[in-house]
Amino acid sequence: MYQKTTKDNEEHVTNITNNLLDITFNNKDWKFIQNECLRNIEENEYLDIVCLSITCLGHIARIHNCIDKEKVLPVLNEKIKDKILFGFVSDALDDIEQFAIKFTSDDIKKFPNLKQK
């Protein structure tokens, strides 16, 4: 279960989300950004950070026209099962499918949970 942002952890969560947004929109190394997002999705305990990290995967596809589907799709396939994350994953998948070059709907079909979209 994810922790929600509270007064006690608000500054920490804000710092991480601000940094994540900064690198997403200002760093040209999309692989670095993608790996930071995936790390946060897998390891972070704060819901706001996990949700933003998923959203940023879609931003990477939109801004850089690429994504490493072998790394990203298995993670999204797992997270789409979480009702809280479902909408964030669906939005990210829409951006990935629309903007990532060499990414097709057939890629999504390889993952059973993503077919719910």
Protein backbone atom coordinates (compact mmCIF):
# COMPACT_ATOMS: atom_id res chain seq x y z
CA MET A 1 0.00 0.00 0.00
CA TYR A 2 1.28 3.44 -0.89
CA GLN A 3 1.62 6.27 1.59
CA LYS A 4 -0.24 9.47 0.90
CA THR A 5 1.41 12.85 1.20
CA THR A 6 0.95 14.36 4.64
CA LYS A 7 2.28 17.44 6.40
CA ASP A 8 5.13 15.29 7.74
CA ASN A 9 6.40 14.19 4.33
CA GLU A 10 5.13 17.00 2.10
CA GLU A 11 8.52 18.67 1.63
CA HIS A 12 10.20 15.36 0.73
CA VAL A 13 7.50 14.43 -1.78
CA THR A 14 7.49 17.93 -3.27
CA ASN A 15 11.26 17.87 -3.75
CA ILE A 16 11.16 14.53 -5.53
CA THR A 17 8.20 15.47 -7.75
CA ASN A 18 9.77 18.80 -8.67
CA ASN A 19 13.05 17.09 -9.54
CA LEU A 20 11.24 14.45 -11.58
CA LEU A 21 9.34 17.08 -13.54
CA ASP A 22 12.53 19.08 -14.07
CA ILE A 23 14.45 16.17 -15.56
CA THR A 24 11.45 15.03 -17.60
CA PHE A 25 11.08 18.38 -19.33
CA ASN A 26 14.69 19.59 -19.36
CA ASN A 27 17.01 16.60 -19.65
CA LYS A 28 17.73 15.28 -23.13
CA ASP A 29 18.77 11.82 -21.87
CA TRP A 30 15.42 10.04 -22.14
CA LYS A 31 16.90 6.72 -20.97
CA PHE A 32 18.07 8.31 -17.73
CA ILE A 33 14.63 9.86 -17.17
CA GLN A 34 12.90 6.60 -18.00
CA ASN A 35 15.11 4.68 -15.55
CA GLU A 36 14.40 7.22 -12.80
CA CYS A 37 10.67 6.88 -13.44
CA LEU A 38 10.85 3.09 -13.38
CA ARG A 39 12.92 3.14 -10.20
CA ASN A 40 10.36 5.38 -8.51
CA ILE A 41 7.47 3.22 -9.71
CA GLU A 42 9.07 0.09 -8.33
CA GLU A 43 10.70 1.43 -5.17
CA ASN A 44 8.94 4.56 -3.97
CA GLU A 45 6.38 4.31 -1.21
CA TYR A 46 4.59 7.61 -1.86
CA LEU A 47 1.53 7.52 -4.10
CA ASP A 48 2.10 11.00 -5.54
CA ILE A 49 5.60 10.07 -6.69
CA VAL A 50 4.52 6.75 -8.21
CA CYS A 51 1.63 8.39 -10.09
CA LEU A 52 3.82 11.18 -11.41
CA SER A 53 6.51 8.70 -12.46
CA ILE A 54 3.94 6.79 -14.52
CA THR A 55 2.72 10.04 -16.07
CA CYS A 56 6.28 11.03 -16.90
CA LEU A 57 6.73 7.84 -18.92
CA GLY A 58 4.02 9.18 -21.21
CA HIS A 59 5.76 12.56 -21.29
CA ILE A 60 9.00 10.87 -22.36
CA ALA A 61 7.22 9.28 -25.33
CA ARG A 62 5.60 12.59 -26.25
CA ILE A 63 8.73 14.73 -25.86
CA HIS A 64 11.39 12.32 -27.14
CA ASN A 65 9.27 10.08 -29.43
CA CYS A 66 10.73 6.96 -27.89
CA ILE A 67 10.48 4.58 -24.97
CA ASP A 68 12.14 1.28 -24.11
CA LYS A 69 9.08 -0.93 -24.39
CA GLU A 70 10.94 -4.00 -23.08
CA LYS A 71 11.53 -2.19 -19.80
CA VAL A 72 8.38 -0.10 -19.55
CA LEU A 73 5.56 -2.40 -20.66
CA PRO A 74 6.12 -5.14 -18.06
CA VAL A 75 6.02 -2.54 -15.28
CA LEU A 76 2.88 -0.89 -16.63
CA ASN A 77 1.32 -4.33 -17.17
CA GLU A 78 1.74 -4.99 -13.46
CA LYS A 79 0.66 -1.56 -12.24
CA ILE A 80 -2.52 -1.35 -14.33
CA LYS A 81 -4.01 -3.99 -12.00
CA ASP A 82 -3.97 -1.42 -9.18
CA LYS A 83 -7.27 0.50 -9.24
CA ILE A 84 -5.56 3.63 -7.94
CA LEU A 85 -2.94 3.57 -10.72
CA PHE A 86 -5.18 2.36 -13.55
CA GLY A 87 -5.99 5.83 -14.94
CA PHE A 88 -2.37 6.98 -14.78
CA VAL A 89 -1.20 3.84 -16.59
CA SER A 90 -3.94 4.17 -19.23
CA ASP A 91 -2.98 7.80 -19.91
CA ALA A 92 0.72 6.92 -20.14
CA LEU A 93 -0.05 4.06 -22.54
CA ASP A 94 -2.09 6.40 -24.74
CA ASP A 95 0.88 8.77 -25.01
CA ILE A 96 3.32 5.93 -25.58
CA GLU A 97 1.16 4.39 -28.28
CA GLN A 98 0.58 7.72 -29.99
CA PHE A 99 4.06 9.24 -29.82
CA ALA A 100 6.72 6.55 -29.40
CA ILE A 101 8.24 5.65 -32.74
CA LYS A 102 8.38 1.91 -33.46
CA PHE A 103 5.71 1.24 -30.88
CA THR A 104 2.53 -0.45 -32.01
CA SER A 105 -0.68 -1.71 -30.49
CA ASP A 106 0.71 -5.22 -31.09
CA ASP A 107 3.33 -4.43 -28.44
CA ILE A 108 0.58 -3.81 -25.90
CA LYS A 109 -1.25 -7.01 -26.86
CA LYS A 110 1.70 -9.05 -25.56
CA PHE A 111 0.74 -8.10 -22.00
CA PRO A 112 -2.60 -9.44 -20.79
CA ASN A 113 -3.32 -6.76 -18.20
CA LEU A 114 -2.82 -3.94 -20.69
CA LYS A 115 -5.65 -5.22 -22.87
CA GLN A 116 -8.15 -3.81 -20.33
CA LYS A 117 -7.36 -0.36 -21.65
